[in-house]
Amino acid sequence: NSAELKKLKGIFKYKGPVVCELMINPNQLMLSKWSAG
């Protein structure tokens, strides 16, 4: 969740490869799609 975004600092500080799993709402709202006009 949002409270755990602070983990990003350690991920980028670590010098080797890191895999980070983001637990996202299956019904995540998205930016509305545009159509011409």
PDB file of all heavy atoms in Angstrom:
ATOM      1  N   ASN A   1       0.844  -1.198   0.000  1.00  0.00           N
ATOM      2  CA  ASN A   1       0.000   0.000   0.000  1.00  0.00           C
ATOM      3  C   ASN A   1       0.881   1.251   0.000  1.00  0.00           C
ATOM      4  O   ASN A   1       2.119   1.161  -0.013  1.00  0.00           O
ATOM      5  CB  ASN A   1      -0.946  -0.002   1.202  1.00  0.00           C
ATOM      6  CG  ASN A   1      -0.199  -0.261   2.499  1.00  0.00           C
ATOM      7  OD1 ASN A   1       0.870   0.299   2.732  1.00  0.00           O
ATOM      8  ND2 ASN A   1      -0.748  -1.130   3.346  1.00  0.00           N
ATOM      9  N   SER A   2       0.236   2.412   0.027  1.00  0.00           N
ATOM     10  CA  SER A   2       0.964   3.675  -0.076  1.00  0.00           C
ATOM     11  C   SER A   2       1.964   3.873   1.051  1.00  0.00           C
ATOM     12  O   SER A   2       3.034   4.469   0.851  1.00  0.00           O
ATOM     13  CB  SER A   2      -0.035   4.841  -0.101  1.00  0.00           C
ATOM     14  OG  SER A   2      -0.893   4.731  -1.216  1.00  0.00           O
ATOM     15  N   ALA A   3       1.645   3.384   2.232  1.00  0.00           N
ATOM     16  CA  ALA A   3       2.531   3.565   3.377  1.00  0.00           C
ATOM     17  C   ALA A   3       3.879   2.873   3.165  1.00  0.00           C
ATOM     18  O   ALA A   3       4.881   3.256   3.773  1.00  0.00           O
ATOM     19  CB  ALA A   3       1.857   3.026   4.640  1.00  0.00           C
ATOM     20  N   GLU A   4       3.899   1.855   2.283  1.00  0.00           N
ATOM     21  CA  GLU A   4       5.129   1.107   2.063  1.00  0.00           C
ATOM     22  C   GLU A   4       5.966   1.628   0.893  1.00  0.00           C
ATOM     23  O   GLU A   4       6.985   1.041   0.540  1.00  0.00           O
ATOM     24  CB  GLU A   4       4.797  -0.374   1.855  1.00  0.00           C
ATOM     25  CG  GLU A   4       4.180  -1.027   3.102  1.00  0.00           C
ATOM     26  CD  GLU A   4       3.946  -2.513   2.921  1.00  0.00           C
ATOM     27  OE1 GLU A   4       4.172  -3.036   1.809  1.00  0.00           O
ATOM     28  OE2 GLU A   4       3.535  -3.161   3.903  1.00  0.00           O
ATOM     29  N   LEU A   5       5.542   2.741   0.299  1.00  0.00           N
ATOM     30  CA  LEU A   5       6.308   3.313  -0.809  1.00  0.00           C
ATOM     31  C   LEU A   5       7.703   3.767  -0.375  1.00  0.00           C
ATOM     32  O   LEU A   5       8.597   3.931  -1.210  1.00  0.00           O
ATOM     33  CB  LEU A   5       5.553   4.495  -1.425  1.00  0.00           C
ATOM     34  CG  LEU A   5       4.369   4.128  -2.334  1.00  0.00           C
ATOM     35  CD1 LEU A   5       3.567   5.369  -2.700  1.00  0.00           C
ATOM     36  CD2 LEU A   5       4.869   3.427  -3.599  1.00  0.00           C
ATOM     37  N   LYS A   6       7.886   3.932   0.919  1.00  0.00           N
ATOM     38  CA  LYS A   6       9.198   4.321   1.443  1.00  0.00           C
ATOM     39  C   LYS A   6      10.254   3.251   1.147  1.00  0.00           C
ATOM     40  O   LYS A   6      11.463   3.526   1.199  1.00  0.00           O
ATOM     41  CB  LYS A   6       9.113   4.579   2.947  1.00  0.00           C
ATOM     42  CG  LYS A   6       8.608   3.389   3.750  1.00  0.00           C
ATOM     43  CD  LYS A   6       8.380   3.757   5.211  1.00  0.00           C
ATOM     44  CE  LYS A   6       7.823   2.568   6.001  1.00  0.00           C
ATOM     45  NZ  LYS A   6       7.523   2.935   7.401  1.00  0.00           N
ATOM     46  N   LYS A   7       9.822   2.033   0.813  1.00  0.00           N
ATOM     47  CA  LYS A   7      10.756   0.959   0.479  1.00  0.00           C
ATOM     48  C   LYS A   7      11.535   1.278  -0.802  1.00  0.00           C
ATOM     49  O   LYS A   7      12.590   0.682  -1.058  1.00  0.00           O
ATOM     50  CB  LYS A   7      10.015  -0.364   0.308  1.00  0.00           C
ATOM     51  CG  LYS A   7       9.435  -0.934   1.596  1.00  0.00           C
ATOM     52  CD  LYS A   7       8.751  -2.267   1.339  1.00  0.00           C
ATOM     53  CE  LYS A   7       8.159  -2.860   2.614  1.00  0.00           C
ATOM     54  NZ  LYS A   7       7.489  -4.163   2.351  1.00  0.00           N
ATOM     55  N   LEU A   8      11.020   2.183  -1.617  1.00  0.00           N
ATOM     56  CA  LEU A   8      11.691   2.519  -2.869  1.00  0.00           C
ATOM     57  C   LEU A   8      13.105   3.045  -2.629  1.00  0.00           C
ATOM     58  O   LEU A   8      14.019   2.799  -3.425  1.00  0.00           O
ATOM     59  CB  LEU A   8      10.881   3.553  -3.655  1.00  0.00           C
ATOM     60  CG  LEU A   8       9.613   3.045  -4.342  1.00  0.00           C
ATOM     61  CD1 LEU A   8       8.842   4.198  -4.958  1.00  0.00           C
ATOM     62  CD2 LEU A   8       9.965   2.015  -5.411  1.00  0.00           C
ATOM     63  N   LYS A   9      13.291   3.764  -1.544  1.00  0.00           N
ATOM     64  CA  LYS A   9      14.609   4.322  -1.235  1.00  0.00           C
ATOM     65  C   LYS A   9      15.650   3.213  -1.107  1.00  0.00           C
ATOM     66  O   LYS A   9      16.749   3.301  -1.680  1.00  0.00           O
ATOM     67  CB  LYS A   9      14.552   5.142   0.055  1.00  0.00           C
ATOM     68  CG  LYS A   9      15.854   5.841   0.394  1.00  0.00           C
ATOM     69  CD  LYS A   9      15.703   6.706   1.643  1.00  0.00           C
ATOM     70  CE  LYS A   9      17.004   7.425   1.965  1.00  0.00           C
ATOM     71  NZ  LYS A   9      16.868   8.299   3.168  1.00  0.00           N
ATOM     72  N   GLY A  10      15.305   2.151  -0.398  1.00  0.00           N
ATOM     73  CA  GLY A  10      16.219   1.032  -0.223  1.00  0.00           C
ATOM     74  C   GLY A  10      16.428   0.251  -1.504  1.00  0.00           C
ATOM     75  O   GLY A  10      17.533  -0.256  -1.767  1.00  0.00           O
ATOM     76  N   ILE A  11      15.375   0.145  -2.312  1.00  0.00           N
ATOM     77  CA  ILE A  11      15.469  -0.586  -3.580  1.00  0.00           C
ATOM     78  C   ILE A  11      16.501   0.066  -4.494  1.00  0.00           C
ATOM     79  O   ILE A  11      17.321  -0.612  -5.119  1.00  0.00           O
ATOM     80  CB  ILE A  11      14.087  -0.647  -4.266  1.00  0.00           C
ATOM     81  CG1 ILE A  11      13.167  -1.604  -3.497  1.00  0.00           C
ATOM     82  CG2 ILE A  11      14.213  -1.075  -5.730  1.00  0.00           C
ATOM     83  CD1 ILE A  11      11.726  -1.566  -3.931  1.00  0.00           C
ATOM     84  N   PHE A  12      16.474   1.388  -4.569  1.00  0.00           N
ATOM     85  CA  PHE A  12      17.410   2.075  -5.456  1.00  0.00           C
ATOM     86  C   PHE A  12      18.792   2.249  -4.833  1.00  0.00           C
ATOM     87  O   PHE A  12      19.772   2.468  -5.546  1.00  0.00           O
ATOM     88  CB  PHE A  12      16.825   3.419  -5.894  1.00  0.00           C
ATOM     89  CG  PHE A  12      15.781   3.282  -6.958  1.00  0.00           C
ATOM     90  CD1 PHE A  12      14.432   3.207  -6.638  1.00  0.00           C
ATOM     91  CD2 PHE A  12      16.144   3.190  -8.283  1.00  0.00           C
ATOM     92  CE1 PHE A  12      13.467   3.051  -7.627  1.00  0.00           C
ATOM     93  CE2 PHE A  12      15.188   3.023  -9.286  1.00  0.00           C
ATOM     94  CZ  PHE A  12      13.856   2.956  -8.947  1.00  0.00           C
ATOM     95  N   LYS A  13      18.865   2.111  -3.521  1.00  0.00           N
ATOM     96  CA  LYS A  13      20.168   2.176  -2.855  1.00  0.00           C
ATOM     97  C   LYS A  13      20.923   0.864  -3.032  1.00  0.00           C
ATOM     98  O   LYS A  13      22.166   0.849  -3.092  1.00  0.00           O
ATOM     99  CB  LYS A  13      19.964   2.487  -1.363  1.00  0.00           C
ATOM    100  CG  LYS A  13      21.237   2.826  -0.614  1.00  0.00           C
ATOM    101  CD  LYS A  13      20.935   3.239   0.820  1.00  0.00           C
ATOM    102  CE  LYS A  13      22.205   3.610   1.572  1.00  0.00           C
ATOM    103  NZ  LYS A  13      21.914   4.013   2.981  1.00  0.00           N
ATOM    104  N   TYR A  14      20.189  -0.228  -3.146  1.00  0.00           N
ATOM    105  CA  TYR A  14      20.793  -1.549  -3.307  1.00  0.00           C
ATOM    106  C   TYR A  14      21.470  -1.639  -4.678  1.00  0.00           C
ATOM    107  O   TYR A  14      20.894  -1.287  -5.700  1.00  0.00           O
ATOM    108  CB  TYR A  14      19.719  -2.624  -3.178  1.00  0.00           C
ATOM    109  CG  TYR A  14      20.234  -4.035  -3.203  1.00  0.00           C
ATOM    110  CD1 TYR A  14      20.923  -4.573  -2.130  1.00  0.00           C
ATOM    111  CD2 TYR A  14      20.028  -4.836  -4.325  1.00  0.00           C
ATOM    112  CE1 TYR A  14      21.389  -5.878  -2.150  1.00  0.00           C
ATOM    113  CE2 TYR A  14      20.492  -6.146  -4.362  1.00  0.00           C
ATOM    114  CZ  TYR A  14      21.172  -6.654  -3.268  1.00  0.00           C
ATOM    115  OH  TYR A  14      21.634  -7.938  -3.294  1.00  0.00           O
ATOM    116  N   LYS A  15      22.699  -2.119  -4.739  1.00  0.00           N
ATOM    117  CA  LYS A  15      23.490  -2.072  -5.968  1.00  0.00           C
ATOM    118  C   LYS A  15      23.182  -3.200  -6.955  1.00  0.00           C
ATOM    119  O   LYS A  15      23.494  -3.097  -8.137  1.00  0.00           O
ATOM    120  CB  LYS A  15      24.978  -2.076  -5.617  1.00  0.00           C
ATOM    121  CG  LYS A  15      25.442  -0.807  -4.909  1.00  0.00           C
ATOM    122  CD  LYS A  15      26.931  -0.823  -4.651  1.00  0.00           C
ATOM    123  CE  LYS A  15      27.362   0.472  -3.965  1.00  0.00           C
ATOM    124  NZ  LYS A  15      28.835   0.489  -3.700  1.00  0.00           N
ATOM    125  N   GLY A  16      22.575  -4.265  -6.489  1.00  0.00           N
ATOM    126  CA  GLY A  16      22.300  -5.396  -7.370  1.00  0.00           C
ATOM    127  C   GLY A  16      20.884  -5.383  -7.906  1.00  0.00           C
ATOM    128  O   GLY A  16      20.125  -4.424  -7.731  1.00  0.00           O
ATOM    129  N   PRO A  17      20.472  -6.470  -8.570  1.00  0.00           N
ATOM    130  CA  PRO A  17      19.103  -6.568  -9.084  1.00  0.00           C
ATOM    131  C   PRO A  17      18.088  -6.720  -7.958  1.00  0.00           C
ATOM    132  O   PRO A  17      18.373  -7.370  -6.946  1.00  0.00           O
ATOM    133  CB  PRO A  17      19.136  -7.815  -9.969  1.00  0.00           C
ATOM    134  CG  PRO A  17      20.269  -8.632  -9.444  1.00  0.00           C
ATOM    135  CD  PRO A  17      21.275  -7.656  -8.923  1.00  0.00           C
ATOM    136  N   VAL A  18      16.936  -6.109  -8.119  1.00  0.00           N
ATOM    137  CA  VAL A  18      15.841  -6.209  -7.154  1.00  0.00           C
ATOM    138  C   VAL A  18      14.540  -6.446  -7.920  1.00  0.00           C
ATOM    139  O   VAL A  18      14.300  -5.816  -8.952  1.00  0.00           O
ATOM    140  CB  VAL A  18      15.689  -4.925  -6.308  1.00  0.00           C
ATOM    141  CG1 VAL A  18      14.558  -5.079  -5.296  1.00  0.00           C
ATOM    142  CG2 VAL A  18      16.988  -4.572  -5.601  1.00  0.00           C
ATOM    143  N   VAL A  19      13.722  -7.340  -7.416  1.00  0.00           N
ATOM    144  CA  VAL A  19      12.369  -7.517  -7.940  1.00  0.00           C
ATOM    145  C   VAL A  19      11.401  -7.033  -6.880  1.00  0.00           C
ATOM    146  O   VAL A  19      11.423  -7.518  -5.740  1.00  0.00           O
ATOM    147  CB  VAL A  19      12.075  -8.983  -8.306  1.00  0.00           C
ATOM    148  CG1 VAL A  19      10.619  -9.126  -8.761  1.00  0.00           C
ATOM    149  CG2 VAL A  19      13.024  -9.459  -9.404  1.00  0.00           C
ATOM    150  N   CYS A  20      10.559  -6.072  -7.240  1.00  0.00           N
ATOM    151  CA  CYS A  20       9.578  -5.512  -6.307  1.00  0.00           C
ATOM    152  C   CYS A  20       8.176  -5.759  -6.840  1.00  0.00           C
ATOM    153  O   CYS A  20       7.846  -5.348  -7.952  1.00  0.00           O
ATOM    154  CB  CYS A  20       9.819  -4.011  -6.114  1.00  0.00           C
ATOM    155  SG  CYS A  20       8.610  -3.224  -5.029  1.00  0.00           S
ATOM    156  N   GLU A  21       7.365  -6.428  -6.032  1.00  0.00           N
ATOM    157  CA  GLU A  21       5.991  -6.733  -6.427  1.00  0.00           C
ATOM    158  C   GLU A  21       5.060  -5.650  -5.885  1.00  0.00           C
ATOM    159  O   GLU A  21       5.039  -5.368  -4.689  1.00  0.00           O
ATOM    160  CB  GLU A  21       5.590  -8.106  -5.890  1.00  0.00           C
ATOM    161  CG  GLU A  21       4.293  -8.628  -6.456  1.00  0.00           C
ATOM    162  CD  GLU A  21       4.039 -10.076  -6.065  1.00  0.00           C
ATOM    163  OE1 GLU A  21       4.767 -10.607  -5.192  1.00  0.00           O
ATOM    164  OE2 GLU A  21       3.103 -10.670  -6.621  1.00  0.00           O
ATOM    165  N   LEU A  22       4.325  -5.025  -6.786  1.00  0.00           N
ATOM    166  CA  LEU A  22       3.378  -3.974  -6.426  1.00  0.00           C
ATOM    167  C   LEU A  22       1.983  -4.577  -6.366  1.00  0.00           C
ATOM    168  O   LEU A  22       1.477  -5.089  -7.374  1.00  0.00           O
ATOM    169  CB  LEU A  22       3.402  -2.840  -7.464  1.00  0.00           C
ATOM    170  CG  LEU A  22       4.762  -2.206  -7.758  1.00  0.00           C
ATOM    171  CD1 LEU A  22       4.633  -1.225  -8.931  1.00  0.00           C
ATOM    172  CD2 LEU A  22       5.306  -1.483  -6.536  1.00  0.00           C
ATOM    173  N   MET A  23       1.346  -4.529  -5.207  1.00  0.00           N
ATOM    174  CA  MET A  23       0.013  -5.109  -5.048  1.00  0.00           C
ATOM    175  C   MET A  23      -1.027  -4.051  -5.405  1.00  0.00           C
ATOM    176  O   MET A  23      -1.314  -3.136  -4.633  1.00  0.00           O
ATOM    177  CB  MET A  23      -0.162  -5.616  -3.627  1.00  0.00           C
ATOM    178  CG  MET A  23       0.974  -6.531  -3.160  1.00  0.00           C
ATOM    179  SD  MET A  23       1.361  -7.884  -4.330  1.00  0.00           S
ATOM    180  CE  MET A  23      -0.128  -8.871  -4.188  1.00  0.00           C
ATOM    181  N   ILE A  24      -1.570  -4.158  -6.607  1.00  0.00           N
ATOM    182  CA  ILE A  24      -2.448  -3.144  -7.180  1.00  0.00           C
ATOM    183  C   ILE A  24      -3.896  -3.633  -7.185  1.00  0.00           C
ATOM    184  O   ILE A  24      -4.164  -4.815  -7.424  1.00  0.00           O
ATOM    185  CB  ILE A  24      -1.999  -2.809  -8.622  1.00  0.00           C
ATOM    186  CG1 ILE A  24      -0.564  -2.244  -8.599  1.00  0.00           C
ATOM    187  CG2 ILE A  24      -2.934  -1.814  -9.292  1.00  0.00           C
ATOM    188  CD1 ILE A  24       0.081  -2.150  -9.969  1.00  0.00           C
ATOM    189  N   ASN A  25      -4.803  -2.717  -6.932  1.00  0.00           N
ATOM    190  CA  ASN A  25      -6.237  -3.044  -6.954  1.00  0.00           C
ATOM    191  C   ASN A  25      -6.615  -3.665  -8.303  1.00  0.00           C
ATOM    192  O   ASN A  25      -6.355  -3.068  -9.352  1.00  0.00           O
ATOM    193  CB  ASN A  25      -7.046  -1.755  -6.724  1.00  0.00           C
ATOM    194  CG  ASN A  25      -8.508  -2.043  -6.442  1.00  0.00           C
ATOM    195  OD1 ASN A  25      -9.055  -3.059  -6.866  1.00  0.00           O
ATOM    196  ND2 ASN A  25      -9.154  -1.133  -5.737  1.00  0.00           N
ATOM    197  N   PRO A  26      -7.223  -4.858  -8.321  1.00  0.00           N
ATOM    198  CA  PRO A  26      -7.646  -5.477  -9.582  1.00  0.00           C
ATOM    199  C   PRO A  26      -8.622  -4.596 -10.362  1.00  0.00           C
ATOM    200  O   PRO A  26      -8.770  -4.750 -11.573  1.00  0.00           O
ATOM    201  CB  PRO A  26      -8.327  -6.773  -9.133  1.00  0.00           C
ATOM    202  CG  PRO A  26      -7.744  -7.067  -7.791  1.00  0.00           C
ATOM    203  CD  PRO A  26      -7.488  -5.727  -7.159  1.00  0.00           C
ATOM    204  N   ASN A  27      -9.268  -3.667  -9.645  1.00  0.00           N
ATOM    205  CA  ASN A  27     -10.208  -2.731 -10.280  1.00  0.00           C
ATOM    206  C   ASN A  27      -9.653  -1.305 -10.268  1.00  0.00           C
ATOM    207  O   ASN A  27     -10.399  -0.338 -10.121  1.00  0.00           O
ATOM    208  CB  ASN A  27     -11.560  -2.784  -9.576  1.00  0.00           C
ATOM    209  CG  ASN A  27     -12.186  -4.167  -9.628  1.00  0.00           C
ATOM    210  OD1 ASN A  27     -12.294  -4.761 -10.700  1.00  0.00           O
ATOM    211  ND2 ASN A  27     -12.582  -4.691  -8.484  1.00  0.00           N
ATOM    212  N   GLN A  28      -8.343  -1.175 -10.409  1.00  0.00           N
ATOM    213  CA  GLN A  28      -7.680   0.129 -10.406  1.00  0.00           C
ATOM    214  C   GLN A  28      -8.341   1.077 -11.411  1.00  0.00           C
ATOM    215  O   GLN A  28      -8.543   0.740 -12.578  1.00  0.00           O
ATOM    216  CB  GLN A  28      -6.202  -0.041 -10.772  1.00  0.00           C
ATOM    217  CG  GLN A  28      -5.446   1.228 -11.060  1.00  0.00           C
ATOM    218  CD  GLN A  28      -5.129   2.049  -9.823  1.00  0.00           C
ATOM    219  OE1 GLN A  28      -4.599   1.537  -8.854  1.00  0.00           O
ATOM    220  NE2 GLN A  28      -5.464   3.325  -9.865  1.00  0.00           N
ATOM    221  N   LEU A  29      -8.663   2.280 -10.959  1.00  0.00           N
ATOM    222  CA  LEU A  29      -9.211   3.297 -11.856  1.00  0.00           C
ATOM    223  C   LEU A  29      -8.093   3.830 -12.737  1.00  0.00           C
ATOM    224  O   LEU A  29      -6.959   3.985 -12.308  1.00  0.00           O
ATOM    225  CB  LEU A  29      -9.830   4.440 -11.049  1.00  0.00           C
ATOM    226  CG  LEU A  29     -11.041   4.076 -10.185  1.00  0.00           C
ATOM    227  CD1 LEU A  29     -11.480   5.277  -9.341  1.00  0.00           C
ATOM    228  CD2 LEU A  29     -12.195   3.597 -11.056  1.00  0.00           C
ATOM    229  N   MET A  30      -8.430   4.125 -13.992  1.00  0.00           N
ATOM    230  CA  MET A  30      -7.436   4.596 -14.955  1.00  0.00           C
ATOM    231  C   MET A  30      -7.877   5.917 -15.580  1.00  0.00           C
ATOM    232  O   MET A  30      -9.062   6.260 -15.587  1.00  0.00           O
ATOM    233  CB  MET A  30      -7.241   3.552 -16.062  1.00  0.00           C
ATOM    234  CG  MET A  30      -6.760   2.199 -15.569  1.00  0.00           C
ATOM    235  SD  MET A  30      -4.999   2.170 -15.251  1.00  0.00           S
ATOM    236  CE  MET A  30      -4.363   2.106 -16.922  1.00  0.00           C
ATOM    237  N   LEU A  31      -6.913   6.642 -16.113  1.00  0.00           N
ATOM    238  CA  LEU A  31      -7.196   7.873 -16.835  1.00  0.00           C
ATOM    239  C   LEU A  31      -8.147   7.571 -17.993  1.00  0.00           C
ATOM    240  O   LEU A  31      -7.968   6.583 -18.710  1.00  0.00           O
ATOM    241  CB  LEU A  31      -5.882   8.444 -17.384  1.00  0.00           C
ATOM    242  CG  LEU A  31      -5.837   9.903 -17.814  1.00  0.00           C
ATOM    243  CD1 LEU A  31      -6.056  10.828 -16.625  1.00  0.00           C
ATOM    244  CD2 LEU A  31      -4.493  10.204 -18.478  1.00  0.00           C
ATOM    245  N   SER A  32      -9.175   8.397 -18.160  1.00  0.00           N
ATOM    246  CA  SER A  32     -10.171   8.160 -19.209  1.00  0.00           C
ATOM    247  C   SER A  32      -9.538   8.176 -20.596  1.00  0.00           C
ATOM    248  O   SER A  32      -8.660   8.994 -20.878  1.00  0.00           O
ATOM    249  CB  SER A  32     -11.268   9.225 -19.149  1.00  0.00           C
ATOM    250  OG  SER A  32     -11.960   9.161 -17.928  1.00  0.00           O
ATOM    251  N   LYS A  33      -9.998   7.281 -21.456  1.00  0.00           N
ATOM    252  CA  LYS A  33      -9.484   7.247 -22.821  1.00  0.00           C
ATOM    253  C   LYS A  33     -10.063   8.393 -23.649  1.00  0.00           C
ATOM    254  O   LYS A  33     -11.228   8.746 -23.526  1.00  0.00           O
ATOM    255  CB  LYS A  33      -9.799   5.904 -23.486  1.00  0.00           C
ATOM    256  CG  LYS A  33      -8.878   4.784 -23.037  1.00  0.00           C
ATOM    257  CD  LYS A  33      -8.990   3.576 -23.937  1.00  0.00           C
ATOM    258  CE  LYS A  33      -7.970   2.512 -23.546  1.00  0.00           C
ATOM    259  NZ  LYS A  33      -8.009   1.347 -24.434  1.00  0.00           N
ATOM    260  N   TRP A  34      -9.213   8.934 -24.507  1.00  0.00           N
ATOM    261  CA  TRP A  34      -9.573  10.059 -25.376  1.00  0.00           C
ATOM    262  C   TRP A  34      -9.983   9.564 -26.750  1.00  0.00           C
ATOM    263  O   TRP A  34      -9.481   8.563 -27.254  1.00  0.00           O
ATOM    264  CB  TRP A  34      -8.360  10.977 -25.492  1.00  0.00           C
ATOM    265  CG  TRP A  34      -8.403  12.002 -26.589  1.00  0.00           C
ATOM    266  CD1 TRP A  34      -8.980  13.230 -26.554  1.00  0.00           C
ATOM    267  CD2 TRP A  34      -7.801  11.881 -27.884  1.00  0.00           C
ATOM    268  NE1 TRP A  34      -8.778  13.892 -27.745  1.00  0.00           N
ATOM    269  CE2 TRP A  34      -8.053  13.083 -28.579  1.00  0.00           C
ATOM    270  CE3 TRP A  34      -7.069  10.880 -28.526  1.00  0.00           C
ATOM    271  CZ2 TRP A  34      -7.601  13.303 -29.883  1.00  0.00           C
ATOM    272  CZ3 TRP A  34      -6.628  11.094 -29.827  1.00  0.00           C
ATOM    273  CH2 TRP A  34      -6.900  12.286 -30.487  1.00  0.00           C
ATOM    274  N   SER A  35     -10.939  10.266 -27.345  1.00  0.00           N
ATOM    275  CA  SER A  35     -11.282  10.055 -28.739  1.00  0.00           C
ATOM    276  C   SER A  35     -11.228  11.412 -29.423  1.00  0.00           C
ATOM    277  O   SER A  35     -11.525  12.448 -28.797  1.00  0.00           O
ATOM    278  CB  SER A  35     -12.689   9.453 -28.868  1.00  0.00           C
ATOM    279  OG  SER A  35     -12.970   9.125 -30.212  1.00  0.00           O
ATOM    280  N   ALA A  36     -10.842  11.455 -30.660  1.00  0.00           N
ATOM    281  CA  ALA A  36     -10.631  12.720 -31.366  1.00  0.00           C
ATOM    282  C   ALA A  36     -11.822  13.661 -31.212  1.00  0.00           C
ATOM    283  O   ALA A  36     -12.967  13.276 -31.450  1.00  0.00           O
ATOM    284  CB  ALA A  36     -10.361  12.453 -32.845  1.00  0.00           C
ATOM    285  N   GLY A  37     -11.541  14.888 -30.787  1.00  0.00           N
ATOM    286  CA  GLY A  37     -12.574  15.906 -30.626  1.00  0.00           C
ATOM    287  C   GLY A  37     -13.141  16.014 -29.229  1.00  0.00           C
ATOM    288  O   GLY A  37     -13.971  16.890 -28.966  1.00  0.00           O
TER     289      GLY A  37
END
